[in-house]
């Protein structure tokens, strides 16, 4: 590739990073991890994974917290200021 000539402008950055996209992905991953915690917790409480019963309860509660509470907290924290 040849360098741009002296009279040509430098190439622009193709796309600036969008913080909203990163925040959306973060919230989606938190919800997904919460769902995985709930499933693992239910498997533990049913005895299909050899861990103490209380570990399953803690995983289930933490998973529900991640699915229902954390996305709202993050959305409120990342809310844009009113114009």
PDB file of N, CA and C in Angstrom:
ATOM      1  N   UNK A   1       0.842  -1.156   0.000  1.00  0.00           N
ATOM      2  CA  UNK A   1       0.000   0.000   0.000  1.00  0.00           C
ATOM      3  C   UNK A   1       0.899   1.233   0.000  1.00  0.00           C
ATOM      4  N   UNK A   2       0.552   2.195  -0.797  1.00  0.00           N
ATOM      5  CA  UNK A   2       1.375   3.399  -0.896  1.00  0.00           C
ATOM      6  C   UNK A   2       0.882   4.461   0.072  1.00  0.00           C
ATOM      7  N   UNK A   3       1.772   5.268   0.602  1.00  0.00           N
ATOM      8  CA  UNK A   3       1.328   6.331   1.498  1.00  0.00           C
ATOM      9  C   UNK A   3       0.566   7.393   0.722  1.00  0.00           C
ATOM     10  N   UNK A   4      -0.348   8.122   1.390  1.00  0.00           N
ATOM     11  CA  UNK A   4      -1.119   9.142   0.682  1.00  0.00           C
ATOM     12  C   UNK A   4      -0.202  10.274   0.221  1.00  0.00           C
ATOM     13  N   UNK A   5      -0.570  10.866  -0.892  1.00  0.00           N
ATOM     14  CA  UNK A   5       0.212  11.984  -1.428  1.00  0.00           C
ATOM     15  C   UNK A   5       0.086  13.175  -0.490  1.00  0.00           C
ATOM     16  N   UNK A   6       0.962  14.148  -0.662  1.00  0.00           N
ATOM     17  CA  UNK A   6       1.000  15.305   0.226  1.00  0.00           C
ATOM     18  C   UNK A   6      -0.282  16.125   0.162  1.00  0.00           C
ATOM     19  N   UNK A   7      -0.956  16.146  -0.988  1.00  0.00           N
ATOM     20  CA  UNK A   7      -2.165  16.959  -1.099  1.00  0.00           C
ATOM     21  C   UNK A   7      -3.437  16.199  -0.730  1.00  0.00           C
ATOM     22  N   UNK A   8      -3.349  14.895  -0.479  1.00  0.00           N
ATOM     23  CA  UNK A   8      -4.520  14.106  -0.093  1.00  0.00           C
ATOM     24  C   UNK A   8      -4.670  14.114   1.424  1.00  0.00           C
ATOM     25  N   UNK A   9      -5.908  14.191   1.907  1.00  0.00           N
ATOM     26  CA  UNK A   9      -6.106  14.127   3.367  1.00  0.00           C
ATOM     27  C   UNK A   9      -5.840  12.717   3.878  1.00  0.00           C
ATOM     28  N   UNK A  10      -5.483  12.641   5.123  1.00  0.00           N
ATOM     29  CA  UNK A  10      -5.245  11.338   5.741  1.00  0.00           C
ATOM     30  C   UNK A  10      -6.568  10.593   5.861  1.00  0.00           C
ATOM     31  N   UNK A  11      -6.541   9.261   5.757  1.00  0.00           N
ATOM     32  CA  UNK A  11      -7.802   8.513   5.883  1.00  0.00           C
ATOM     33  C   UNK A  11      -8.395   8.692   7.276  1.00  0.00           C
ATOM     34  N   UNK A  12      -9.712   8.816   7.301  1.00  0.00           N
ATOM     35  CA  UNK A  12     -10.415   9.019   8.570  1.00  0.00           C
ATOM     36  C   UNK A  12     -10.614   7.688   9.289  1.00  0.00           C
ATOM     37  N   UNK A  13     -10.812   7.784  10.585  1.00  0.00           N
ATOM     38  CA  UNK A  13     -11.123   6.601  11.383  1.00  0.00           C
ATOM     39  C   UNK A  13     -12.440   6.030  10.854  1.00  0.00           C
ATOM     40  N   UNK A  14     -12.500   4.735  10.529  1.00  0.00           N
ATOM     41  CA  UNK A  14     -13.701   4.190   9.900  1.00  0.00           C
ATOM     42  C   UNK A  14     -14.969   4.363  10.732  1.00  0.00           C
ATOM     43  N   UNK A  15     -14.903   4.132  12.025  1.00  0.00           N
ATOM     44  CA  UNK A  15     -16.096   4.285  12.854  1.00  0.00           C
ATOM     45  C   UNK A  15     -15.658   4.540  14.294  1.00  0.00           C
ATOM     46  N   UNK A  16     -16.149   5.600  14.887  1.00  0.00           N
ATOM     47  CA  UNK A  16     -15.802   5.827  16.292  1.00  0.00           C
ATOM     48  C   UNK A  16     -16.484   4.783  17.181  1.00  0.00           C
ATOM     49  N   UNK A  17     -15.886   4.497  18.316  1.00  0.00           N
ATOM     50  CA  UNK A  17     -16.464   3.505  19.226  1.00  0.00           C
ATOM     51  C   UNK A  17     -17.734   4.066  19.853  1.00  0.00           C
ATOM     52  N   UNK A  18     -18.751   3.248  19.869  1.00  0.00           N
ATOM     53  CA  UNK A  18     -20.047   3.651  20.406  1.00  0.00           C
ATOM     54  C   UNK A  18     -20.196   3.064  21.810  1.00  0.00           C
ATOM     55  N   UNK A  19     -20.242   3.902  22.852  1.00  0.00           N
ATOM     56  CA  UNK A  19     -20.373   3.351  24.206  1.00  0.00           C
ATOM     57  C   UNK A  19     -21.712   2.654  24.431  1.00  0.00           C
ATOM     58  N   UNK A  20     -22.741   3.046  23.703  1.00  0.00           N
ATOM     59  CA  UNK A  20     -24.040   2.397  23.879  1.00  0.00           C
ATOM     60  C   UNK A  20     -23.987   0.932  23.455  1.00  0.00           C
ATOM     61  N   UNK A  21     -23.246   0.651  22.405  1.00  0.00           N
ATOM     62  CA  UNK A  21     -23.124  -0.733  21.937  1.00  0.00           C
ATOM     63  C   UNK A  21     -22.407  -1.582  22.979  1.00  0.00           C
ATOM     64  N   UNK A  22     -21.335  -1.044  23.547  1.00  0.00           N
ATOM     65  CA  UNK A  22     -20.598  -1.783  24.573  1.00  0.00           C
ATOM     66  C   UNK A  22     -21.459  -2.010  25.806  1.00  0.00           C
ATOM     67  N   UNK A  23     -22.251  -1.014  26.176  1.00  0.00           N
ATOM     68  CA  UNK A  23     -23.138  -1.167  27.338  1.00  0.00           C
ATOM     69  C   UNK A  23     -24.225  -2.190  27.079  1.00  0.00           C
ATOM     70  N   UNK A  24     -24.778  -2.187  25.873  1.00  0.00           N
ATOM     71  CA  UNK A  24     -25.795  -3.174  25.518  1.00  0.00           C
ATOM     72  C   UNK A  24     -25.226  -4.583  25.604  1.00  0.00           C
ATOM     73  N   UNK A  25     -24.023  -4.773  25.086  1.00  0.00           N
ATOM     74  CA  UNK A  25     -23.383  -6.094  25.135  1.00  0.00           C
ATOM     75  C   UNK A  25     -23.110  -6.498  26.577  1.00  0.00           C
ATOM     76  N   UNK A  26     -22.679  -5.548  27.410  1.00  0.00           N
ATOM     77  CA  UNK A  26     -22.412  -5.857  28.815  1.00  0.00           C
ATOM     78  C   UNK A  26     -23.688  -6.306  29.521  1.00  0.00           C
ATOM     79  N   UNK A  27     -24.794  -5.609  29.283  1.00  0.00           N
ATOM     80  CA  UNK A  27     -26.058  -5.982  29.922  1.00  0.00           C
ATOM     81  C   UNK A  27     -26.522  -7.351  29.423  1.00  0.00           C
ATOM     82  N   UNK A  28     -26.367  -7.610  28.146  1.00  0.00           N
ATOM     83  CA  UNK A  28     -26.767  -8.911  27.602  1.00  0.00           C
ATOM     84  C   UNK A  28     -25.933 -10.038  28.196  1.00  0.00           C
ATOM     85  N   UNK A  29     -24.625  -9.816  28.357  1.00  0.00           N
ATOM     86  CA  UNK A  29     -23.766 -10.853  28.939  1.00  0.00           C
ATOM     87  C   UNK A  29     -24.089 -11.088  30.412  1.00  0.00           C
ATOM     88  N   UNK A  30     -24.455 -10.036  31.125  1.00  0.00           N
ATOM     89  CA  UNK A  30     -24.840 -10.208  32.535  1.00  0.00           C
ATOM     90  C   UNK A  30     -26.117 -11.029  32.631  1.00  0.00           C
ATOM     91  N   UNK A  31     -27.077 -10.741  31.761  1.00  0.00           N
ATOM     92  CA  UNK A  31     -28.310 -11.540  31.765  1.00  0.00           C
ATOM     93  C   UNK A  31     -28.027 -12.999  31.427  1.00  0.00           C
ATOM     94  N   UNK A  32     -27.161 -13.221  30.448  1.00  0.00           N
ATOM     95  CA  UNK A  32     -26.822 -14.589  30.051  1.00  0.00           C
ATOM     96  C   UNK A  32     -26.118 -15.332  31.181  1.00  0.00           C
ATOM     97  N   UNK A  33     -25.178 -14.670  31.836  1.00  0.00           N
ATOM     98  CA  UNK A  33     -24.478 -15.325  32.946  1.00  0.00           C
ATOM     99  C   UNK A  33     -25.447 -15.609  34.093  1.00  0.00           C
ATOM    100  N   UNK A  34     -26.396 -14.728  34.321  1.00  0.00           N
ATOM    101  CA  UNK A  34     -27.400 -14.983  35.348  1.00  0.00           C
ATOM    102  C   UNK A  34     -28.236 -16.211  35.027  1.00  0.00           C
ATOM    103  N   UNK A  35     -28.607 -16.362  33.767  1.00  0.00           N
ATOM    104  CA  UNK A  35     -29.381 -17.540  33.372  1.00  0.00           C
ATOM    105  C   UNK A  35     -28.565 -18.820  33.563  1.00  0.00           C
ATOM    106  N   UNK A  36     -27.281 -18.750  33.267  1.00  0.00           N
ATOM    107  CA  UNK A  36     -26.409 -19.916  33.471  1.00  0.00           C
ATOM    108  C   UNK A  36     -26.306 -20.237  34.962  1.00  0.00           C
ATOM    109  N   UNK A  37     -26.182 -19.209  35.805  1.00  0.00           N
ATOM    110  CA  UNK A  37     -26.138 -19.431  37.261  1.00  0.00           C
ATOM    111  C   UNK A  37     -27.413 -20.099  37.746  1.00  0.00           C
ATOM    112  N   UNK A  38     -28.556 -19.645  37.258  1.00  0.00           N
ATOM    113  CA  UNK A  38     -29.827 -20.248  37.678  1.00  0.00           C
ATOM    114  C   UNK A  38     -29.867 -21.720  37.275  1.00  0.00           C
ATOM    115  N   UNK A  39     -29.472 -22.023  36.044  1.00  0.00           N
ATOM    116  CA  UNK A  39     -29.492 -23.418  35.603  1.00  0.00           C
ATOM    117  C   UNK A  39     -28.541 -24.284  36.419  1.00  0.00           C
ATOM    118  N   UNK A  40     -27.336 -23.779  36.662  1.00  0.00           N
ATOM    119  CA  UNK A  40     -26.397 -24.546  37.486  1.00  0.00           C
ATOM    120  C   UNK A  40     -26.925 -24.714  38.910  1.00  0.00           C
ATOM    121  N   UNK A  41     -27.504 -23.673  39.457  1.00  0.00           N
ATOM    122  CA  UNK A  41     -28.057 -23.761  40.802  1.00  0.00           C
ATOM    123  C   UNK A  41     -29.177 -24.781  40.898  1.00  0.00           C
ATOM    124  N   UNK A  42     -30.023 -24.812  39.884  1.00  0.00           N
ATOM    125  CA  UNK A  42     -31.098 -25.802  39.891  1.00  0.00           C
ATOM    126  C   UNK A  42     -30.552 -27.222  39.760  1.00  0.00           C
ATOM    127  N   UNK A  43     -29.522 -27.384  38.953  1.00  0.00           N
ATOM    128  CA  UNK A  43     -28.905 -28.712  38.835  1.00  0.00           C
ATOM    129  C   UNK A  43     -28.283 -29.154  40.154  1.00  0.00           C
ATOM    130  N   UNK A  44     -27.682 -28.221  40.876  1.00  0.00           N
ATOM    131  CA  UNK A  44     -27.083 -28.569  42.172  1.00  0.00           C
ATOM    132  C   UNK A  44     -28.171 -28.930  43.175  1.00  0.00           C
ATOM    133  N   UNK A  45     -29.243 -28.142  43.238  1.00  0.00           N
ATOM    134  CA  UNK A  45     -30.303 -28.426  44.213  1.00  0.00           C
ATOM    135  C   UNK A  45     -31.033 -29.726  43.899  1.00  0.00           C
ATOM    136  N   UNK A  46     -31.053 -30.119  42.622  1.00  0.00           N
ATOM    137  CA  UNK A  46     -31.677 -31.389  42.252  1.00  0.00           C
ATOM    138  C   UNK A  46     -30.754 -32.581  42.492  1.00  0.00           C
ATOM    139  N   UNK A  47     -29.487 -32.322  42.794  1.00  0.00           N
ATOM    140  CA  UNK A  47     -28.556 -33.404  43.070  1.00  0.00           C
ATOM    141  C   UNK A  47     -27.860 -33.957  41.846  1.00  0.00           C
ATOM    142  N   UNK A  48     -27.993 -33.305  40.710  1.00  0.00           N
ATOM    143  CA  UNK A  48     -27.341 -33.788  39.488  1.00  0.00           C
ATOM    144  C   UNK A  48     -25.886 -33.364  39.406  1.00  0.00           C
ATOM    145  N   UNK A  49     -25.508 -32.341  40.171  1.00  0.00           N
ATOM    146  CA  UNK A  49     -24.112 -31.937  40.312  1.00  0.00           C
ATOM    147  C   UNK A  49     -23.764 -32.120  41.777  1.00  0.00           C
ATOM    148  N   UNK A  50     -22.663 -32.790  42.046  1.00  0.00           N
ATOM    149  CA  UNK A  50     -22.300 -33.156  43.420  1.00  0.00           C
ATOM    150  C   UNK A  50     -21.678 -31.978  44.159  1.00  0.00           C
ATOM    151  N   UNK A  51     -22.528 -31.074  44.608  1.00  0.00           N
ATOM    152  CA  UNK A  51     -22.131 -29.959  45.461  1.00  0.00           C
ATOM    153  C   UNK A  51     -23.161 -29.844  46.573  1.00  0.00           C
ATOM    154  N   UNK A  52     -22.817 -29.189  47.668  1.00  0.00           N
ATOM    155  CA  UNK A  52     -23.810 -29.025  48.737  1.00  0.00           C
ATOM    156  C   UNK A  52     -25.051 -28.270  48.254  1.00  0.00           C
ATOM    157  N   UNK A  53     -26.173 -28.597  48.853  1.00  0.00           N
ATOM    158  CA  UNK A  53     -27.456 -28.014  48.465  1.00  0.00           C
ATOM    159  C   UNK A  53     -27.442 -26.493  48.584  1.00  0.00           C
ATOM    160  N   UNK A  54     -26.804 -25.965  49.613  1.00  0.00           N
ATOM    161  CA  UNK A  54     -26.796 -24.529  49.833  1.00  0.00           C
ATOM    162  C   UNK A  54     -26.064 -23.795  48.703  1.00  0.00           C
ATOM    163  N   UNK A  55     -25.079 -24.434  48.093  1.00  0.00           N
ATOM    164  CA  UNK A  55     -24.381 -23.832  46.951  1.00  0.00           C
ATOM    165  C   UNK A  55     -25.355 -23.633  45.794  1.00  0.00           C
ATOM    166  N   UNK A  56     -26.215 -24.596  45.589  1.00  0.00           N
ATOM    167  CA  UNK A  56     -27.234 -24.467  44.544  1.00  0.00           C
ATOM    168  C   UNK A  56     -28.196 -23.336  44.816  1.00  0.00           C
ATOM    169  N   UNK A  57     -28.586 -23.187  46.074  1.00  0.00           N
ATOM    170  CA  UNK A  57     -29.503 -22.099  46.438  1.00  0.00           C
ATOM    171  C   UNK A  57     -28.831 -20.744  46.206  1.00  0.00           C
ATOM    172  N   UNK A  58     -27.575 -20.631  46.616  1.00  0.00           N
ATOM    173  CA  UNK A  58     -26.848 -19.370  46.436  1.00  0.00           C
ATOM    174  C   UNK A  58     -26.684 -19.054  44.944  1.00  0.00           C
ATOM    175  N   UNK A  59     -26.338 -20.056  44.148  1.00  0.00           N
ATOM    176  CA  UNK A  59     -26.207 -19.832  42.709  1.00  0.00           C
ATOM    177  C   UNK A  59     -27.532 -19.402  42.083  1.00  0.00           C
ATOM    178  N   UNK A  60     -28.610 -20.024  42.504  1.00  0.00           N
ATOM    179  CA  UNK A  60     -29.919 -19.682  41.959  1.00  0.00           C
ATOM    180  C   UNK A  60     -30.311 -18.256  42.315  1.00  0.00           C
ATOM    181  N   UNK A  61     -30.127 -17.882  43.569  1.00  0.00           N
ATOM    182  CA  UNK A  61     -30.480 -16.523  43.994  1.00  0.00           C
ATOM    183  C   UNK A  61     -29.596 -15.494  43.288  1.00  0.00           C
ATOM    184  N   UNK A  62     -28.312 -15.773  43.202  1.00  0.00           N
ATOM    185  CA  UNK A  62     -27.402 -14.852  42.506  1.00  0.00           C
ATOM    186  C   UNK A  62     -27.766 -14.751  41.022  1.00  0.00           C
ATOM    187  N   UNK A  63     -28.172 -15.848  40.429  1.00  0.00           N
ATOM    188  CA  UNK A  63     -28.580 -15.825  39.026  1.00  0.00           C
ATOM    189  C   UNK A  63     -29.824 -14.992  38.798  1.00  0.00           C
ATOM    190  N   UNK A  64     -30.814 -15.138  39.681  1.00  0.00           N
ATOM    191  CA  UNK A  64     -32.014 -14.315  39.548  1.00  0.00           C
ATOM    192  C   UNK A  64     -31.688 -12.839  39.743  1.00  0.00           C
ATOM    193  N   UNK A  65     -30.787 -12.545  40.651  1.00  0.00           N
ATOM    194  CA  UNK A  65     -30.355 -11.161  40.853  1.00  0.00           C
ATOM    195  C   UNK A  65     -29.703 -10.620  39.579  1.00  0.00           C
ATOM    196  N   UNK A  66     -28.846 -11.439  38.952  1.00  0.00           N
ATOM    197  CA  UNK A  66     -28.183 -11.011  37.718  1.00  0.00           C
ATOM    198  C   UNK A  66     -29.165 -10.820  36.566  1.00  0.00           C
ATOM    199  N   UNK A  67     -30.183 -11.632  36.508  1.00  0.00           N
ATOM    200  CA  UNK A  67     -31.130 -11.546  35.395  1.00  0.00           C
ATOM    201  C   UNK A  67     -32.090 -10.373  35.561  1.00  0.00           C
ATOM    202  N   UNK A  68     -32.599 -10.159  36.778  1.00  0.00           N
ATOM    203  CA  UNK A  68     -33.672  -9.185  36.954  1.00  0.00           C
ATOM    204  C   UNK A  68     -33.243  -7.848  37.536  1.00  0.00           C
ATOM    205  N   UNK A  69     -32.228  -7.808  38.371  1.00  0.00           N
ATOM    206  CA  UNK A  69     -31.874  -6.576  39.074  1.00  0.00           C
ATOM    207  C   UNK A  69     -30.697  -5.849  38.425  1.00  0.00           C
ATOM    208  N   UNK A  70     -29.637  -6.563  38.121  1.00  0.00           N
ATOM    209  CA  UNK A  70     -28.420  -5.922  37.618  1.00  0.00           C
ATOM    210  C   UNK A  70     -28.624  -5.143  36.316  1.00  0.00           C
ATOM    211  N   UNK A  71     -29.366  -5.652  35.325  1.00  0.00           N
ATOM    212  CA  UNK A  71     -29.560  -4.846  34.114  1.00  0.00           C
ATOM    213  C   UNK A  71     -30.246  -3.507  34.395  1.00  0.00           C
ATOM    214  N   UNK A  72     -31.209  -3.502  35.306  1.00  0.00           N
ATOM    215  CA  UNK A  72     -31.878  -2.236  35.646  1.00  0.00           C
ATOM    216  C   UNK A  72     -30.934  -1.277  36.361  1.00  0.00           C
ATOM    217  N   UNK A  73     -30.116  -1.813  37.266  1.00  0.00           N
ATOM    218  CA  UNK A  73     -29.160  -0.950  37.960  1.00  0.00           C
ATOM    219  C   UNK A  73     -28.149  -0.342  36.985  1.00  0.00           C
ATOM    220  N   UNK A  74     -27.635  -1.164  36.086  1.00  0.00           N
ATOM    221  CA  UNK A  74     -26.672  -0.652  35.123  1.00  0.00           C
ATOM    222  C   UNK A  74     -27.306   0.338  34.154  1.00  0.00           C
ATOM    223  N   UNK A  75     -28.518   0.055  33.700  1.00  0.00           N
ATOM    224  CA  UNK A  75     -29.186   0.981  32.788  1.00  0.00           C
ATOM    225  C   UNK A  75     -29.436   2.320  33.472  1.00  0.00           C
ATOM    226  N   UNK A  76     -29.810   2.291  34.722  1.00  0.00           N
ATOM    227  CA  UNK A  76     -30.034   3.537  35.462  1.00  0.00           C
ATOM    228  C   UNK A  76     -28.717   4.290  35.653  1.00  0.00           C
ATOM    229  N   UNK A  77     -27.664   3.556  35.920  1.00  0.00           N
ATOM    230  CA  UNK A  77     -26.360   4.205  36.132  1.00  0.00           C
ATOM    231  C   UNK A  77     -25.815   4.805  34.845  1.00  0.00           C
ATOM    232  N   UNK A  78     -26.060   4.139  33.723  1.00  0.00           N
ATOM    233  CA  UNK A  78     -25.526   4.593  32.439  1.00  0.00           C
ATOM    234  C   UNK A  78     -26.486   5.509  31.685  1.00  0.00           C
ATOM    235  N   UNK A  79     -27.607   5.861  32.285  1.00  0.00           N
ATOM    236  CA  UNK A  79     -28.597   6.695  31.600  1.00  0.00           C
ATOM    237  C   UNK A  79     -27.982   8.028  31.211  1.00  0.00           C
ATOM    238  N   UNK A  80     -28.323   8.492  30.026  1.00  0.00           N
ATOM    239  CA  UNK A  80     -27.839   9.790  29.567  1.00  0.00           C
ATOM    240  C   UNK A  80     -28.565  10.898  30.327  1.00  0.00           C
ATOM    241  N   UNK A  81     -27.887  12.017  30.572  1.00  0.00           N
ATOM    242  CA  UNK A  81     -28.574  13.107  31.255  1.00  0.00           C
ATOM    243  C   UNK A  81     -29.677  13.706  30.384  1.00  0.00           C
ATOM    244  N   UNK A  82     -30.706  14.186  31.034  1.00  0.00           N
ATOM    245  CA  UNK A  82     -31.825  14.782  30.302  1.00  0.00           C
ATOM    246  C   UNK A  82     -31.368  16.074  29.631  1.00  0.00           C
ATOM    247  N   UNK A  83     -31.848  16.322  28.419  1.00  0.00           N
ATOM    248  CA  UNK A  83     -31.423  17.550  27.708  1.00  0.00           C
ATOM    249  C   UNK A  83     -31.988  18.811  28.328  1.00  0.00           C
TER     250      UNK A  83
END
